[in-house]
Amino acid sequence: MKPLKAKISITIDTDIIEEVKYLAEKDDRSLSQYINLVLKEYLKNKKQSDK
């Protein structure tokens, strides 16, 4: 079974959005998929560095 997903509304600086859109396109992913991937990686790294 796929994990459940939740829709959220956030405000992000325009320059960051443009850069993330570019990176997502370059990685052949949707903006949502790319943001999810980046956040998962950040959280994984954060957990490891907090040990």
PDB file of N, CA and C in Angstrom:
ATOM      1  N   MET A   1       0.840  -1.178   0.000  1.00  0.00           N
ATOM      2  CA  MET A   1       0.000   0.000   0.000  1.00  0.00           C
ATOM      3  C   MET A   1       0.893   1.253   0.000  1.00  0.00           C
ATOM      4  N   LYS A   2       0.563   2.205  -0.842  1.00  0.00           N
ATOM      5  CA  LYS A   2       1.326   3.450  -0.910  1.00  0.00           C
ATOM      6  C   LYS A   2       1.109   4.270   0.355  1.00  0.00           C
ATOM      7  N   PRO A   3       2.163   5.006   0.761  1.00  0.00           N
ATOM      8  CA  PRO A   3       1.967   5.863   1.933  1.00  0.00           C
ATOM      9  C   PRO A   3       0.949   6.964   1.644  1.00  0.00           C
ATOM     10  N   LEU A   4       0.236   7.362   2.684  1.00  0.00           N
ATOM     11  CA  LEU A   4      -0.748   8.424   2.526  1.00  0.00           C
ATOM     12  C   LEU A   4      -0.040   9.754   2.328  1.00  0.00           C
ATOM     13  N   LYS A   5      -0.656  10.618   1.581  1.00  0.00           N
ATOM     14  CA  LYS A   5      -0.091  11.943   1.333  1.00  0.00           C
ATOM     15  C   LYS A   5      -1.097  12.983   1.782  1.00  0.00           C
ATOM     16  N   ALA A   6      -0.579  14.131   2.180  1.00  0.00           N
ATOM     17  CA  ALA A   6      -1.433  15.222   2.628  1.00  0.00           C
ATOM     18  C   ALA A   6      -1.113  16.463   1.804  1.00  0.00           C
ATOM     19  N   LYS A   7      -2.140  17.202   1.471  1.00  0.00           N
ATOM     20  CA  LYS A   7      -1.951  18.464   0.769  1.00  0.00           C
ATOM     21  C   LYS A   7      -1.772  19.563   1.790  1.00  0.00           C
ATOM     22  N   ILE A   8      -0.792  20.434   1.514  1.00  0.00           N
ATOM     23  CA  ILE A   8      -0.556  21.575   2.390  1.00  0.00           C
ATOM     24  C   ILE A   8      -0.387  22.823   1.540  1.00  0.00           C
ATOM     25  N   SER A   9      -0.519  23.931   2.178  1.00  0.00           N
ATOM     26  CA  SER A   9      -0.306  25.208   1.499  1.00  0.00           C
ATOM     27  C   SER A   9       0.797  25.943   2.246  1.00  0.00           C
ATOM     28  N   ILE A  10       1.873  26.300   1.529  1.00  0.00           N
ATOM     29  CA  ILE A  10       2.981  27.003   2.158  1.00  0.00           C
ATOM     30  C   ILE A  10       3.401  28.182   1.284  1.00  0.00           C
ATOM     31  N   THR A  11       4.132  29.091   1.875  1.00  0.00           N
ATOM     32  CA  THR A  11       4.658  30.230   1.140  1.00  0.00           C
ATOM     33  C   THR A  11       6.174  30.093   1.081  1.00  0.00           C
ATOM     34  N   ILE A  12       6.711  30.154  -0.135  1.00  0.00           N
ATOM     35  CA  ILE A  12       8.152  30.008  -0.352  1.00  0.00           C
ATOM     36  C   ILE A  12       8.630  31.168  -1.213  1.00  0.00           C
ATOM     37  N   ASP A  13       9.820  31.664  -0.907  1.00  0.00           N
ATOM     38  CA  ASP A  13      10.394  32.761  -1.685  1.00  0.00           C
ATOM     39  C   ASP A  13      10.457  32.398  -3.172  1.00  0.00           C
ATOM     40  N   THR A  14      10.164  33.372  -3.999  1.00  0.00           N
ATOM     41  CA  THR A  14      10.116  33.169  -5.448  1.00  0.00           C
ATOM     42  C   THR A  14      11.428  32.636  -6.008  1.00  0.00           C
ATOM     43  N   ASP A  15      12.551  33.166  -5.552  1.00  0.00           N
ATOM     44  CA  ASP A  15      13.842  32.711  -6.070  1.00  0.00           C
ATOM     45  C   ASP A  15      14.097  31.240  -5.740  1.00  0.00           C
ATOM     46  N   ILE A  16      13.636  30.808  -4.575  1.00  0.00           N
ATOM     47  CA  ILE A  16      13.799  29.402  -4.202  1.00  0.00           C
ATOM     48  C   ILE A  16      12.908  28.519  -5.073  1.00  0.00           C
ATOM     49  N   ILE A  17      11.680  28.939  -5.285  1.00  0.00           N
ATOM     50  CA  ILE A  17      10.756  28.173  -6.136  1.00  0.00           C
ATOM     51  C   ILE A  17      11.340  27.998  -7.535  1.00  0.00           C
ATOM     52  N   GLU A  18      11.861  29.068  -8.102  1.00  0.00           N
ATOM     53  CA  GLU A  18      12.425  28.989  -9.458  1.00  0.00           C
ATOM     54  C   GLU A  18      13.582  28.003  -9.515  1.00  0.00           C
ATOM     55  N   GLU A  19      14.439  28.046  -8.513  1.00  0.00           N
ATOM     56  CA  GLU A  19      15.583  27.135  -8.498  1.00  0.00           C
ATOM     57  C   GLU A  19      15.137  25.684  -8.316  1.00  0.00           C
ATOM     58  N   VAL A  20      14.181  25.461  -7.418  1.00  0.00           N
ATOM     59  CA  VAL A  20      13.689  24.099  -7.177  1.00  0.00           C
ATOM     60  C   VAL A  20      12.951  23.576  -8.406  1.00  0.00           C
ATOM     61  N   LYS A  21      12.179  24.426  -9.065  1.00  0.00           N
ATOM     62  CA  LYS A  21      11.505  24.010 -10.303  1.00  0.00           C
ATOM     63  C   LYS A  21      12.521  23.566 -11.347  1.00  0.00           C
ATOM     64  N   TYR A  22      13.594  24.344 -11.474  1.00  0.00           N
ATOM     65  CA  TYR A  22      14.650  24.017 -12.437  1.00  0.00           C
ATOM     66  C   TYR A  22      15.276  22.660 -12.106  1.00  0.00           C
ATOM     67  N   LEU A  23      15.608  22.456 -10.830  1.00  0.00           N
ATOM     68  CA  LEU A  23      16.226  21.199 -10.408  1.00  0.00           C
ATOM     69  C   LEU A  23      15.275  20.016 -10.591  1.00  0.00           C
ATOM     70  N   ALA A  24      13.998  20.222 -10.311  1.00  0.00           N
ATOM     71  CA  ALA A  24      13.001  19.162 -10.487  1.00  0.00           C
ATOM     72  C   ALA A  24      12.897  18.769 -11.956  1.00  0.00           C
ATOM     73  N   GLU A  25      12.860  19.771 -12.816  1.00  0.00           N
ATOM     74  CA  GLU A  25      12.768  19.506 -14.251  1.00  0.00           C
ATOM     75  C   GLU A  25      14.005  18.765 -14.739  1.00  0.00           C
ATOM     76  N   LYS A  26      15.156  19.197 -14.259  1.00  0.00           N
ATOM     77  CA  LYS A  26      16.422  18.570 -14.637  1.00  0.00           C
ATOM     78  C   LYS A  26      16.462  17.108 -14.192  1.00  0.00           C
ATOM     79  N   ASP A  27      15.812  16.796 -13.074  1.00  0.00           N
ATOM     80  CA  ASP A  27      15.761  15.449 -12.515  1.00  0.00           C
ATOM     81  C   ASP A  27      14.545  14.663 -13.030  1.00  0.00           C
ATOM     82  N   ASP A  28      13.810  15.272 -13.954  1.00  0.00           N
ATOM     83  CA  ASP A  28      12.611  14.658 -14.552  1.00  0.00           C
ATOM     84  C   ASP A  28      11.579  14.259 -13.483  1.00  0.00           C
ATOM     85  N   ARG A  29      11.319  15.191 -12.563  1.00  0.00           N
ATOM     86  CA  ARG A  29      10.340  14.974 -11.503  1.00  0.00           C
ATOM     87  C   ARG A  29       9.401  16.171 -11.450  1.00  0.00           C
ATOM     88  N   SER A  30       8.240  15.956 -10.863  1.00  0.00           N
ATOM     89  CA  SER A  30       7.341  17.085 -10.633  1.00  0.00           C
ATOM     90  C   SER A  30       7.907  17.908  -9.480  1.00  0.00           C
ATOM     91  N   LEU A  31       7.441  19.131  -9.374  1.00  0.00           N
ATOM     92  CA  LEU A  31       7.879  19.996  -8.277  1.00  0.00           C
ATOM     93  C   LEU A  31       7.563  19.339  -6.936  1.00  0.00           C
ATOM     94  N   SER A  32       6.374  18.805  -6.808  1.00  0.00           N
ATOM     95  CA  SER A  32       5.950  18.148  -5.569  1.00  0.00           C
ATOM     96  C   SER A  32       6.847  16.955  -5.241  1.00  0.00           C
ATOM     97  N   GLN A  33       7.130  16.123  -6.218  1.00  0.00           N
ATOM     98  CA  GLN A  33       7.988  14.960  -6.004  1.00  0.00           C
ATOM     99  C   GLN A  33       9.382  15.394  -5.568  1.00  0.00           C
ATOM    100  N   TYR A  34       9.879  16.437  -6.209  1.00  0.00           N
ATOM    101  CA  TYR A  34      11.237  16.892  -5.902  1.00  0.00           C
ATOM    102  C   TYR A  34      11.323  17.475  -4.488  1.00  0.00           C
ATOM    103  N   ILE A  35      10.345  18.289  -4.113  1.00  0.00           N
ATOM    104  CA  ILE A  35      10.331  18.861  -2.763  1.00  0.00           C
ATOM    105  C   ILE A  35      10.245  17.741  -1.734  1.00  0.00           C
ATOM    106  N   ASN A  36       9.414  16.748  -1.989  1.00  0.00           N
ATOM    107  CA  ASN A  36       9.288  15.601  -1.091  1.00  0.00           C
ATOM    108  C   ASN A  36      10.625  14.871  -0.956  1.00  0.00           C
ATOM    109  N   LEU A  37      11.304  14.657  -2.062  1.00  0.00           N
ATOM    110  CA  LEU A  37      12.606  13.992  -2.071  1.00  0.00           C
ATOM    111  C   LEU A  37      13.633  14.790  -1.263  1.00  0.00           C
ATOM    112  N   VAL A  38      13.691  16.086  -1.472  1.00  0.00           N
ATOM    113  CA  VAL A  38      14.642  16.952  -0.766  1.00  0.00           C
ATOM    114  C   VAL A  38      14.356  16.956   0.732  1.00  0.00           C
ATOM    115  N   LEU A  39      13.102  17.050   1.097  1.00  0.00           N
ATOM    116  CA  LEU A  39      12.747  17.048   2.522  1.00  0.00           C
ATOM    117  C   LEU A  39      13.071  15.713   3.186  1.00  0.00           C
ATOM    118  N   LYS A  40      12.798  14.610   2.502  1.00  0.00           N
ATOM    119  CA  LYS A  40      13.128  13.290   3.056  1.00  0.00           C
ATOM    120  C   LYS A  40      14.625  13.176   3.297  1.00  0.00           C
ATOM    121  N   GLU A  41      15.423  13.624   2.324  1.00  0.00           N
ATOM    122  CA  GLU A  41      16.879  13.563   2.441  1.00  0.00           C
ATOM    123  C   GLU A  41      17.367  14.451   3.586  1.00  0.00           C
ATOM    124  N   TYR A  42      16.790  15.639   3.697  1.00  0.00           N
ATOM    125  CA  TYR A  42      17.155  16.546   4.785  1.00  0.00           C
ATOM    126  C   TYR A  42      16.863  15.915   6.143  1.00  0.00           C
ATOM    127  N   LEU A  43      15.678  15.348   6.293  1.00  0.00           N
ATOM    128  CA  LEU A  43      15.297  14.734   7.569  1.00  0.00           C
ATOM    129  C   LEU A  43      16.184  13.538   7.912  1.00  0.00           C
ATOM    130  N   LYS A  44      16.522  12.751   6.907  1.00  0.00           N
ATOM    131  CA  LYS A  44      17.413  11.610   7.100  1.00  0.00           C
ATOM    132  C   LYS A  44      18.777  12.093   7.595  1.00  0.00           C
ATOM    133  N   ASN A  45      19.317  13.113   6.943  1.00  0.00           N
ATOM    134  CA  ASN A  45      20.618  13.669   7.346  1.00  0.00           C
ATOM    135  C   ASN A  45      20.564  14.301   8.726  1.00  0.00           C
ATOM    136  N   LYS A  46      19.468  14.967   9.003  1.00  0.00           N
ATOM    137  CA  LYS A  46      19.284  15.627  10.303  1.00  0.00           C
ATOM    138  C   LYS A  46      19.273  14.598  11.432  1.00  0.00           C
ATOM    139  N   LYS A  47      18.568  13.500  11.224  1.00  0.00           N
ATOM    140  CA  LYS A  47      18.510  12.427  12.240  1.00  0.00           C
ATOM    141  C   LYS A  47      19.897  11.860  12.496  1.00  0.00           C
ATOM    142  N   GLN A  48      20.670  11.657  11.419  1.00  0.00           N
ATOM    143  CA  GLN A  48      22.014  11.100  11.549  1.00  0.00           C
ATOM    144  C   GLN A  48      22.952  12.054  12.272  1.00  0.00           C
ATOM    145  N   SER A  49      22.828  13.352  12.007  1.00  0.00           N
ATOM    146  CA  SER A  49      23.720  14.320  12.634  1.00  0.00           C
ATOM    147  C   SER A  49      23.339  14.607  14.086  1.00  0.00           C
ATOM    148  N   ASP A  50      22.096  14.307  14.455  1.00  0.00           N
ATOM    149  CA  ASP A  50      21.646  14.532  15.836  1.00  0.00           C
ATOM    150  C   ASP A  50      22.042  13.410  16.774  1.00  0.00           C
ATOM    151  N   LYS A  51      22.560  12.324  16.240  1.00  0.00           N
ATOM    152  CA  LYS A  51      22.938  11.167  17.074  1.00  0.00           C
ATOM    153  C   LYS A  51      24.197  11.455  17.867  1.00  0.00           C
TER     154      LYS A  51
END
